[in-house]
Amino acid sequence: MKHLGMIIFMGILGLIVGYLVFGNLNGKVLPISTIFGSNDTVVERTLDTISGVDDIREKITYSGIGGAIAGLLISIVRKRNRD
């Protein structure tokens, strides 16, 4: 349970860094609502796939997962150094 705070913090930090790094499409920053919003229709999903928004979402998600894993590892190492 003590690791949870660091995991959440680093996961959110990973999402932010991922958005800053990968949240651009053709030189323009995509709105957060476009990246994290849902696709209700087949047409919207198809357009997101064609335009590359799906790839951007995937990269940002992986950044968040990487941040959460880093948070877990940091928390474990810090606990080990305290003991």
PDB file of N, CA and C in Angstrom:
ATOM      1  N   MET A   1       0.813  -1.189   0.000  1.00  0.00           N
ATOM      2  CA  MET A   1       0.000   0.000   0.000  1.00  0.00           C
ATOM      3  C   MET A   1       0.863   1.264   0.000  1.00  0.00           C
ATOM      4  N   LYS A   2       2.040   1.193   0.594  1.00  0.00           N
ATOM      5  CA  LYS A   2       2.917   2.354   0.636  1.00  0.00           C
ATOM      6  C   LYS A   2       3.469   2.691  -0.749  1.00  0.00           C
ATOM      7  N   HIS A   3       3.511   1.709  -1.618  1.00  0.00           N
ATOM      8  CA  HIS A   3       4.031   1.923  -2.963  1.00  0.00           C
ATOM      9  C   HIS A   3       3.004   2.628  -3.852  1.00  0.00           C
ATOM     10  N   LEU A   4       1.747   2.563  -3.489  1.00  0.00           N
ATOM     11  CA  LEU A   4       0.674   3.051  -4.338  1.00  0.00           C
ATOM     12  C   LEU A   4       0.804   4.538  -4.668  1.00  0.00           C
ATOM     13  N   GLY A   5       1.146   5.352  -3.690  1.00  0.00           N
ATOM     14  CA  GLY A   5       1.288   6.789  -3.926  1.00  0.00           C
ATOM     15  C   GLY A   5       2.350   7.103  -4.960  1.00  0.00           C
ATOM     16  N   MET A   6       3.495   6.446  -4.846  1.00  0.00           N
ATOM     17  CA  MET A   6       4.579   6.679  -5.805  1.00  0.00           C
ATOM     18  C   MET A   6       4.191   6.158  -7.188  1.00  0.00           C
ATOM     19  N   ILE A   7       3.499   5.032  -7.238  1.00  0.00           N
ATOM     20  CA  ILE A   7       3.078   4.464  -8.524  1.00  0.00           C
ATOM     21  C   ILE A   7       2.112   5.419  -9.224  1.00  0.00           C
ATOM     22  N   ILE A   8       1.133   5.933  -8.482  1.00  0.00           N
ATOM     23  CA  ILE A   8       0.161   6.858  -9.075  1.00  0.00           C
ATOM     24  C   ILE A   8       0.842   8.150  -9.522  1.00  0.00           C
ATOM     25  N   PHE A   9       1.685   8.699  -8.662  1.00  0.00           N
ATOM     26  CA  PHE A   9       2.386   9.944  -9.003  1.00  0.00           C
ATOM     27  C   PHE A   9       3.237   9.787 -10.259  1.00  0.00           C
ATOM     28  N   MET A  10       4.023   8.741 -10.300  1.00  0.00           N
ATOM     29  CA  MET A  10       4.910   8.537 -11.459  1.00  0.00           C
ATOM     30  C   MET A  10       4.115   8.157 -12.712  1.00  0.00           C
ATOM     31  N   GLY A  11       2.990   7.460 -12.537  1.00  0.00           N
ATOM     32  CA  GLY A  11       2.133   7.148 -13.678  1.00  0.00           C
ATOM     33  C   GLY A  11       1.550   8.400 -14.302  1.00  0.00           C
ATOM     34  N   ILE A  12       1.072   9.306 -13.455  1.00  0.00           N
ATOM     35  CA  ILE A  12       0.535  10.576 -13.955  1.00  0.00           C
ATOM     36  C   ILE A  12       1.645  11.409 -14.585  1.00  0.00           C
ATOM     37  N   LEU A  13       2.804  11.420 -13.960  1.00  0.00           N
ATOM     38  CA  LEU A  13       3.942  12.137 -14.531  1.00  0.00           C
ATOM     39  C   LEU A  13       4.323  11.551 -15.893  1.00  0.00           C
ATOM     40  N   GLY A  14       4.284  10.225 -16.008  1.00  0.00           N
ATOM     41  CA  GLY A  14       4.556   9.576 -17.287  1.00  0.00           C
ATOM     42  C   GLY A  14       3.550   9.960 -18.359  1.00  0.00           C
ATOM     43  N   LEU A  15       2.271  10.069 -17.979  1.00  0.00           N
ATOM     44  CA  LEU A  15       1.247  10.501 -18.934  1.00  0.00           C
ATOM     45  C   LEU A  15       1.489  11.939 -19.399  1.00  0.00           C
ATOM     46  N   ILE A  16       1.875  12.804 -18.459  1.00  0.00           N
ATOM     47  CA  ILE A  16       2.136  14.204 -18.812  1.00  0.00           C
ATOM     48  C   ILE A  16       3.330  14.302 -19.751  1.00  0.00           C
ATOM     49  N   VAL A  17       4.405  13.607 -19.411  1.00  0.00           N
ATOM     50  CA  VAL A  17       5.593  13.632 -20.270  1.00  0.00           C
ATOM     51  C   VAL A  17       5.269  13.024 -21.637  1.00  0.00           C
ATOM     52  N   GLY A  18       4.519  11.931 -21.644  1.00  0.00           N
ATOM     53  CA  GLY A  18       4.113  11.314 -22.908  1.00  0.00           C
ATOM     54  C   GLY A  18       3.294  12.265 -23.759  1.00  0.00           C
ATOM     55  N   TYR A  19       2.393  13.008 -23.137  1.00  0.00           N
ATOM     56  CA  TYR A  19       1.589  13.981 -23.882  1.00  0.00           C
ATOM     57  C   TYR A  19       2.464  15.084 -24.452  1.00  0.00           C
ATOM     58  N   LEU A  20       3.415  15.567 -23.650  1.00  0.00           N
ATOM     59  CA  LEU A  20       4.292  16.633 -24.134  1.00  0.00           C
ATOM     60  C   LEU A  20       5.192  16.165 -25.273  1.00  0.00           C
ATOM     61  N   VAL A  21       5.620  14.906 -25.219  1.00  0.00           N
ATOM     62  CA  VAL A  21       6.525  14.385 -26.244  1.00  0.00           C
ATOM     63  C   VAL A  21       5.764  13.933 -27.486  1.00  0.00           C
ATOM     64  N   PHE A  22       4.674  13.196 -27.300  1.00  0.00           N
ATOM     65  CA  PHE A  22       3.998  12.561 -28.425  1.00  0.00           C
ATOM     66  C   PHE A  22       2.685  13.223 -28.822  1.00  0.00           C
ATOM     67  N   GLY A  23       2.240  14.244 -28.116  1.00  0.00           N
ATOM     68  CA  GLY A  23       0.933  14.840 -28.365  1.00  0.00           C
ATOM     69  C   GLY A  23       0.865  15.790 -29.542  1.00  0.00           C
ATOM     70  N   ASN A  24       1.810  15.711 -30.451  1.00  0.00           N
ATOM     71  CA  ASN A  24       1.825  16.588 -31.624  1.00  0.00           C
ATOM     72  C   ASN A  24       1.471  15.795 -32.874  1.00  0.00           C
ATOM     73  N   LEU A  25       0.717  16.426 -33.754  1.00  0.00           N
ATOM     74  CA  LEU A  25       0.377  15.829 -35.035  1.00  0.00           C
ATOM     75  C   LEU A  25       0.536  16.908 -36.094  1.00  0.00           C
ATOM     76  N   ASN A  26       1.458  16.707 -36.998  1.00  0.00           N
ATOM     77  CA  ASN A  26       1.765  17.681 -38.051  1.00  0.00           C
ATOM     78  C   ASN A  26       2.126  19.049 -37.483  1.00  0.00           C
ATOM     79  N   GLY A  27       2.886  19.047 -36.407  1.00  0.00           N
ATOM     80  CA  GLY A  27       3.360  20.294 -35.820  1.00  0.00           C
ATOM     81  C   GLY A  27       2.362  20.998 -34.922  1.00  0.00           C
ATOM     82  N   LYS A  28       1.186  20.426 -34.725  1.00  0.00           N
ATOM     83  CA  LYS A  28       0.177  21.045 -33.867  1.00  0.00           C
ATOM     84  C   LYS A  28      -0.082  20.144 -32.672  1.00  0.00           C
ATOM     85  N   VAL A  29      -0.237  20.767 -31.515  1.00  0.00           N
ATOM     86  CA  VAL A  29      -0.528  20.023 -30.296  1.00  0.00           C
ATOM     87  C   VAL A  29      -2.005  19.635 -30.310  1.00  0.00           C
ATOM     88  N   LEU A  30      -2.263  18.359 -30.113  1.00  0.00           N
ATOM     89  CA  LEU A  30      -3.638  17.880 -30.082  1.00  0.00           C
ATOM     90  C   LEU A  30      -4.290  18.229 -28.747  1.00  0.00           C
ATOM     91  N   PRO A  31      -5.559  18.596 -28.773  1.00  0.00           N
ATOM     92  CA  PRO A  31      -6.250  18.843 -27.499  1.00  0.00           C
ATOM     93  C   PRO A  31      -6.336  17.559 -26.672  1.00  0.00           C
ATOM     94  N   ILE A  32      -6.302  17.709 -25.378  1.00  0.00           N
ATOM     95  CA  ILE A  32      -6.379  16.550 -24.489  1.00  0.00           C
ATOM     96  C   ILE A  32      -7.687  15.796 -24.708  1.00  0.00           C
ATOM     97  N   SER A  33      -8.750  16.524 -25.004  1.00  0.00           N
ATOM     98  CA  SER A  33     -10.041  15.861 -25.234  1.00  0.00           C
ATOM     99  C   SER A  33     -10.000  14.953 -26.460  1.00  0.00           C
ATOM    100  N   THR A  34      -9.193  15.296 -27.453  1.00  0.00           N
ATOM    101  CA  THR A  34      -9.053  14.444 -28.634  1.00  0.00           C
ATOM    102  C   THR A  34      -8.303  13.173 -28.280  1.00  0.00           C
ATOM    103  N   ILE A  35      -7.289  13.295 -27.459  1.00  0.00           N
ATOM    104  CA  ILE A  35      -6.463  12.144 -27.130  1.00  0.00           C
ATOM    105  C   ILE A  35      -7.164  11.224 -26.144  1.00  0.00           C
ATOM    106  N   PHE A  36      -7.782  11.780 -25.127  1.00  0.00           N
ATOM    107  CA  PHE A  36      -8.379  10.956 -24.085  1.00  0.00           C
ATOM    108  C   PHE A  36      -9.888  10.796 -24.222  1.00  0.00           C
ATOM    109  N   GLY A  37     -10.490  11.418 -25.242  1.00  0.00           N
ATOM    110  CA  GLY A  37     -11.924  11.281 -25.459  1.00  0.00           C
ATOM    111  C   GLY A  37     -12.262   9.938 -26.082  1.00  0.00           C
ATOM    112  N   SER A  38     -13.531   9.617 -26.062  1.00  0.00           N
ATOM    113  CA  SER A  38     -13.964   8.332 -26.632  1.00  0.00           C
ATOM    114  C   SER A  38     -14.442   8.531 -28.064  1.00  0.00           C
ATOM    115  N   ASN A  39     -14.348   7.459 -28.813  1.00  0.00           N
ATOM    116  CA  ASN A  39     -14.834   7.450 -30.193  1.00  0.00           C
ATOM    117  C   ASN A  39     -16.160   6.711 -30.212  1.00  0.00           C
ATOM    118  N   ASP A  40     -17.220   7.435 -30.511  1.00  0.00           N
ATOM    119  CA  ASP A  40     -18.541   6.833 -30.451  1.00  0.00           C
ATOM    120  C   ASP A  40     -18.953   6.157 -31.748  1.00  0.00           C
ATOM    121  N   THR A  41     -18.486   6.676 -32.855  1.00  0.00           N
ATOM    122  CA  THR A  41     -18.944   6.135 -34.130  1.00  0.00           C
ATOM    123  C   THR A  41     -17.798   5.456 -34.869  1.00  0.00           C
ATOM    124  N   VAL A  42     -18.173   4.654 -35.821  1.00  0.00           N
ATOM    125  CA  VAL A  42     -17.189   3.959 -36.657  1.00  0.00           C
ATOM    126  C   VAL A  42     -16.382   4.970 -37.458  1.00  0.00           C
ATOM    127  N   VAL A  43     -17.034   6.029 -37.909  1.00  0.00           N
ATOM    128  CA  VAL A  43     -16.343   7.054 -38.696  1.00  0.00           C
ATOM    129  C   VAL A  43     -15.258   7.727 -37.862  1.00  0.00           C
ATOM    130  N   GLU A  44     -15.571   8.080 -36.606  1.00  0.00           N
ATOM    131  CA  GLU A  44     -14.570   8.706 -35.736  1.00  0.00           C
ATOM    132  C   GLU A  44     -13.395   7.774 -35.488  1.00  0.00           C
ATOM    133  N   ARG A  45     -13.668   6.506 -35.252  1.00  0.00           N
ATOM    134  CA  ARG A  45     -12.588   5.542 -35.022  1.00  0.00           C
ATOM    135  C   ARG A  45     -11.719   5.388 -36.266  1.00  0.00           C
ATOM    136  N   THR A  46     -12.348   5.364 -37.428  1.00  0.00           N
ATOM    137  CA  THR A  46     -11.598   5.233 -38.678  1.00  0.00           C
ATOM    138  C   THR A  46     -10.723   6.455 -38.913  1.00  0.00           C
ATOM    139  N   LEU A  47     -11.271   7.642 -38.680  1.00  0.00           N
ATOM    140  CA  LEU A  47     -10.495   8.872 -38.861  1.00  0.00           C
ATOM    141  C   LEU A  47      -9.327   8.940 -37.890  1.00  0.00           C
ATOM    142  N   ASP A  48      -9.539   8.508 -36.648  1.00  0.00           N
ATOM    143  CA  ASP A  48      -8.447   8.499 -35.671  1.00  0.00           C
ATOM    144  C   ASP A  48      -7.350   7.534 -36.088  1.00  0.00           C
ATOM    145  N   THR A  49      -7.728   6.402 -36.654  1.00  0.00           N
ATOM    146  CA  THR A  49      -6.740   5.434 -37.113  1.00  0.00           C
ATOM    147  C   THR A  49      -5.950   5.991 -38.291  1.00  0.00           C
ATOM    148  N   ILE A  50      -6.636   6.583 -39.226  1.00  0.00           N
ATOM    149  CA  ILE A  50      -5.982   7.117 -40.426  1.00  0.00           C
ATOM    150  C   ILE A  50      -5.074   8.302 -40.071  1.00  0.00           C
ATOM    151  N   SER A  51      -5.552   9.184 -39.205  1.00  0.00           N
ATOM    152  CA  SER A  51      -4.784  10.391 -38.888  1.00  0.00           C
ATOM    153  C   SER A  51      -3.611  10.140 -37.954  1.00  0.00           C
ATOM    154  N   GLY A  52      -3.570   8.982 -37.296  1.00  0.00           N
ATOM    155  CA  GLY A  52      -2.465   8.675 -36.400  1.00  0.00           C
ATOM    156  C   GLY A  52      -2.749   8.944 -34.938  1.00  0.00           C
ATOM    157  N   VAL A  53      -3.969   9.364 -34.618  1.00  0.00           N
ATOM    158  CA  VAL A  53      -4.311   9.657 -33.228  1.00  0.00           C
ATOM    159  C   VAL A  53      -4.240   8.388 -32.380  1.00  0.00           C
ATOM    160  N   ASP A  54      -4.616   7.256 -32.964  1.00  0.00           N
ATOM    161  CA  ASP A  54      -4.541   5.988 -32.215  1.00  0.00           C
ATOM    162  C   ASP A  54      -3.102   5.668 -31.805  1.00  0.00           C
ATOM    163  N   ASP A  55      -2.159   5.896 -32.715  1.00  0.00           N
ATOM    164  CA  ASP A  55      -0.743   5.659 -32.385  1.00  0.00           C
ATOM    165  C   ASP A  55      -0.273   6.590 -31.277  1.00  0.00           C
ATOM    166  N   ILE A  56      -0.722   7.836 -31.328  1.00  0.00           N
ATOM    167  CA  ILE A  56      -0.347   8.808 -30.300  1.00  0.00           C
ATOM    168  C   ILE A  56      -0.918   8.384 -28.950  1.00  0.00           C
ATOM    169  N   ARG A  57      -2.175   7.954 -28.934  1.00  0.00           N
ATOM    170  CA  ARG A  57      -2.789   7.472 -27.690  1.00  0.00           C
ATOM    171  C   ARG A  57      -1.995   6.310 -27.113  1.00  0.00           C
ATOM    172  N   GLU A  58      -1.598   5.403 -27.987  1.00  0.00           N
ATOM    173  CA  GLU A  58      -0.848   4.227 -27.546  1.00  0.00           C
ATOM    174  C   GLU A  58       0.493   4.625 -26.930  1.00  0.00           C
ATOM    175  N   LYS A  59       1.200   5.531 -27.554  1.00  0.00           N
ATOM    176  CA  LYS A  59       2.498   5.959 -27.036  1.00  0.00           C
ATOM    177  C   LYS A  59       2.355   6.672 -25.691  1.00  0.00           C
ATOM    178  N   ILE A  60       1.322   7.495 -25.552  1.00  0.00           N
ATOM    179  CA  ILE A  60       1.098   8.189 -24.289  1.00  0.00           C
ATOM    180  C   ILE A  60       0.742   7.190 -23.198  1.00  0.00           C
ATOM    181  N   THR A  61      -0.062   6.199 -23.542  1.00  0.00           N
ATOM    182  CA  THR A  61      -0.418   5.153 -22.570  1.00  0.00           C
ATOM    183  C   THR A  61       0.822   4.391 -22.121  1.00  0.00           C
ATOM    184  N   TYR A  62       1.679   4.029 -23.063  1.00  0.00           N
ATOM    185  CA  TYR A  62       2.919   3.328 -22.711  1.00  0.00           C
ATOM    186  C   TYR A  62       3.805   4.192 -21.822  1.00  0.00           C
ATOM    187  N   SER A  63       3.815   5.499 -22.051  1.00  0.00           N
ATOM    188  CA  SER A  63       4.594   6.397 -21.199  1.00  0.00           C
ATOM    189  C   SER A  63       4.059   6.385 -19.777  1.00  0.00           C
ATOM    190  N   GLY A  64       2.743   6.386 -19.628  1.00  0.00           N
ATOM    191  CA  GLY A  64       2.143   6.316 -18.303  1.00  0.00           C
ATOM    192  C   GLY A  64       2.445   5.004 -17.604  1.00  0.00           C
ATOM    193  N   ILE A  65       2.384   3.906 -18.356  1.00  0.00           N
ATOM    194  CA  ILE A  65       2.708   2.595 -17.784  1.00  0.00           C
ATOM    195  C   ILE A  65       4.176   2.551 -17.373  1.00  0.00           C
ATOM    196  N   GLY A  66       5.035   3.087 -18.216  1.00  0.00           N
ATOM    197  CA  GLY A  66       6.460   3.139 -17.878  1.00  0.00           C
ATOM    198  C   GLY A  66       6.714   3.963 -16.633  1.00  0.00           C
ATOM    199  N   GLY A  67       6.001   5.076 -16.505  1.00  0.00           N
ATOM    200  CA  GLY A  67       6.128   5.903 -15.307  1.00  0.00           C
ATOM    201  C   GLY A  67       5.668   5.165 -14.061  1.00  0.00           C
ATOM    202  N   ALA A  68       4.568   4.413 -14.171  1.00  0.00           N
ATOM    203  CA  ALA A  68       4.071   3.656 -13.023  1.00  0.00           C
ATOM    204  C   ALA A  68       5.057   2.565 -12.611  1.00  0.00           C
ATOM    205  N   ILE A  69       5.648   1.903 -13.594  1.00  0.00           N
ATOM    206  CA  ILE A  69       6.651   0.877 -13.295  1.00  0.00           C
ATOM    207  C   ILE A  69       7.870   1.516 -12.643  1.00  0.00           C
ATOM    208  N   ALA A  70       8.287   2.667 -13.166  1.00  0.00           N
ATOM    209  CA  ALA A  70       9.415   3.379 -12.559  1.00  0.00           C
ATOM    210  C   ALA A  70       9.086   3.785 -11.122  1.00  0.00           C
ATOM    211  N   GLY A  71       7.845   4.206 -10.875  1.00  0.00           N
ATOM    212  CA  GLY A  71       7.429   4.559  -9.527  1.00  0.00           C
ATOM    213  C   GLY A  71       7.493   3.380  -8.583  1.00  0.00           C
ATOM    214  N   LEU A  72       7.090   2.212  -9.051  1.00  0.00           N
ATOM    215  CA  LEU A  72       7.177   1.005  -8.235  1.00  0.00           C
ATOM    216  C   LEU A  72       8.629   0.677  -7.907  1.00  0.00           C
ATOM    217  N   LEU A  73       9.480   0.737  -8.917  1.00  0.00           N
ATOM    218  CA  LEU A  73      10.900   0.416  -8.695  1.00  0.00           C
ATOM    219  C   LEU A  73      11.554   1.417  -7.743  1.00  0.00           C
ATOM    220  N   ILE A  74      11.262   2.688  -7.916  1.00  0.00           N
ATOM    221  CA  ILE A  74      11.820   3.712  -7.029  1.00  0.00           C
ATOM    222  C   ILE A  74      11.353   3.480  -5.598  1.00  0.00           C
ATOM    223  N   SER A  75      10.084   3.167  -5.448  1.00  0.00           N
ATOM    224  CA  SER A  75       9.534   2.923  -4.118  1.00  0.00           C
ATOM    225  C   SER A  75      10.182   1.714  -3.450  1.00  0.00           C
ATOM    226  N   ILE A  76      10.392   0.665  -4.214  1.00  0.00           N
ATOM    227  CA  ILE A  76      11.037  -0.532  -3.663  1.00  0.00           C
ATOM    228  C   ILE A  76      12.471  -0.233  -3.249  1.00  0.00           C
ATOM    229  N   VAL A  77      13.207   0.471  -4.097  1.00  0.00           N
ATOM    230  CA  VAL A  77      14.608   0.796  -3.793  1.00  0.00           C
ATOM    231  C   VAL A  77      14.688   1.708  -2.577  1.00  0.00           C
ATOM    232  N   ARG A  78      13.801   2.690  -2.490  1.00  0.00           N
ATOM    233  CA  ARG A  78      13.813   3.591  -1.333  1.00  0.00           C
ATOM    234  C   ARG A  78      13.503   2.837  -0.050  1.00  0.00           C
ATOM    235  N   LYS A  79      12.575   1.897  -0.111  1.00  0.00           N
ATOM    236  CA  LYS A  79      12.238   1.121   1.080  1.00  0.00           C
ATOM    237  C   LYS A  79      13.412   0.241   1.489  1.00  0.00           C
ATOM    238  N   ARG A  80      14.083  -0.354   0.516  1.00  0.00           N
ATOM    239  CA  ARG A  80      15.226  -1.205   0.798  1.00  0.00           C
ATOM    240  C   ARG A  80      16.359  -0.400   1.423  1.00  0.00           C
ATOM    241  N   ASN A  81      16.565   0.818   0.972  1.00  0.00           N
ATOM    242  CA  ASN A  81      17.643   1.658   1.515  1.00  0.00           C
ATOM    243  C   ASN A  81      17.328   2.129   2.926  1.00  0.00           C
ATOM    244  N   ARG A  82      16.064   2.242   3.277  1.00  0.00           N
ATOM    245  CA  ARG A  82      15.676   2.649   4.633  1.00  0.00           C
ATOM    246  C   ARG A  82      15.885   1.524   5.642  1.00  0.00           C
ATOM    247  N   ASP A  83      15.721   0.297   5.183  1.00  0.00           N
ATOM    248  CA  ASP A  83      15.826  -0.856   6.105  1.00  0.00           C
ATOM    249  C   ASP A  83      17.248  -1.250   6.381  1.00  0.00           C
TER     250      ASP A  83
END
